[in-house]
Protein backbone atom coordinates (compact mmCIF):
# COMPACT_ATOMS: atom_id res chain seq x y z
CA UNK A 1 -0.05 0.06 -0.02
CA UNK A 2 2.87 2.42 0.90
CA UNK A 3 4.42 1.94 -2.74
CA UNK A 4 1.13 2.79 -4.33
CA UNK A 5 0.92 5.79 -2.26
CA UNK A 6 4.59 6.88 -3.21
CA UNK A 7 3.89 6.31 -6.94
CA UNK A 8 0.70 8.60 -6.70
CA UNK A 9 2.83 11.16 -4.95
CA UNK A 10 5.62 11.08 -7.57
CA UNK A 11 2.95 11.29 -10.44
CA UNK A 12 1.44 14.38 -8.72
CA UNK A 13 4.89 15.77 -8.25
CA UNK A 14 5.83 15.12 -11.87
CA UNK A 15 2.67 16.76 -13.08
CA UNK A 16 3.35 19.92 -10.88
CA UNK A 17 6.68 19.98 -12.36
CA UNK A 18 5.54 19.70 -15.99
CA UNK A 19 2.92 22.45 -15.41
CA UNK A 20 5.74 24.79 -13.94
CA UNK A 21 7.94 23.86 -17.00
CA UNK A 22 4.90 24.81 -19.29
CA UNK A 23 4.27 28.15 -17.45
CA UNK A 24 7.87 29.13 -17.94
CA UNK A 25 7.70 28.89 -21.82
CA UNK A 26 3.93 29.76 -22.21
CA UNK A 27 2.88 32.70 -24.44
CA UNK A 28 0.29 33.74 -21.74
CA UNK A 29 3.36 34.22 -19.17
CA UNK A 30 5.17 36.42 -21.73
CA UNK A 31 2.08 38.45 -22.54
CA UNK A 32 1.45 39.10 -18.82
CA UNK A 33 5.03 40.26 -18.28
CA UNK A 34 5.17 42.51 -21.26
CA UNK A 35 1.75 44.12 -20.30
CA UNK A 36 3.16 44.61 -16.62
CA UNK A 37 6.58 45.87 -17.97
CA UNK A 38 4.74 48.27 -20.26
CA UNK A 39 2.50 49.55 -17.52
CA UNK A 40 5.33 50.04 -15.02
CA UNK A 41 7.65 51.83 -17.56
CA UNK A 42 4.56 54.00 -18.34
CA UNK A 43 3.76 55.09 -14.96
CA UNK A 44 7.45 55.89 -14.15
CA UNK A 45 7.73 57.87 -17.43
CA UNK A 46 4.35 59.96 -16.51
CA UNK A 47 5.83 60.53 -12.79
CA UNK A 48 9.17 62.03 -13.99
CA UNK A 49 7.25 64.17 -16.57
CA UNK A 50 8.89 62.45 -19.57
CA UNK A 51 7.62 63.39 -23.12
CA UNK A 52 5.67 60.58 -25.07
CA UNK A 53 5.71 58.19 -22.16
CA UNK A 54 3.10 55.76 -24.10
CA UNK A 55 5.59 55.39 -26.77
CA UNK A 56 8.90 55.21 -24.79
CA UNK A 57 7.41 52.58 -22.60
CA UNK A 58 7.69 50.28 -25.53
CA UNK A 59 11.40 50.16 -25.33
CA UNK A 60 11.79 48.12 -22.10
CA UNK A 61 8.83 45.98 -23.19
CA UNK A 62 10.43 45.30 -26.84
CA UNK A 63 13.70 44.39 -24.92
CA UNK A 64 11.78 41.97 -22.97
CA UNK A 65 10.18 40.48 -26.00
CA UNK A 66 13.31 40.28 -28.07
CA UNK A 67 15.19 38.39 -24.97
CA UNK A 68 12.42 35.91 -24.76
CA UNK A 69 12.61 35.45 -28.44
CA UNK A 70 16.32 34.67 -28.43
CA UNK A 71 16.52 32.50 -25.45
CA UNK A 72 15.37 29.10 -27.33
CA UNK A 73 18.31 29.71 -29.92
CA UNK A 74 20.74 30.52 -27.02
CA UNK A 75 19.61 27.47 -25.11
CA UNK A 76 19.92 25.24 -27.97
CA UNK A 77 23.45 26.36 -28.81
CA UNK A 78 24.41 26.14 -25.11
CA UNK A 79 23.14 22.45 -24.97
CA UNK A 80 25.01 21.63 -27.95
CA UNK A 81 28.27 23.05 -26.67
CA UNK A 82 27.80 21.17 -23.43
């Protein structure tokens, strides 16, 4: 009986780990972080009275999006070098 319980616990843990991995690379996560980055940058630019804050807030957001697009290629290269 204990073995069955341990197997069930291992399967539940594996499921949680797989969901965490899926979340890390999900489109939903990237969009949410992009929106949050844009809002924070926009608010900061408003607070410091910067001109065109709605436009300038795209700079850090674009940087984040570009970094997430390049990571799969960097990861593949890194794995091949290992």
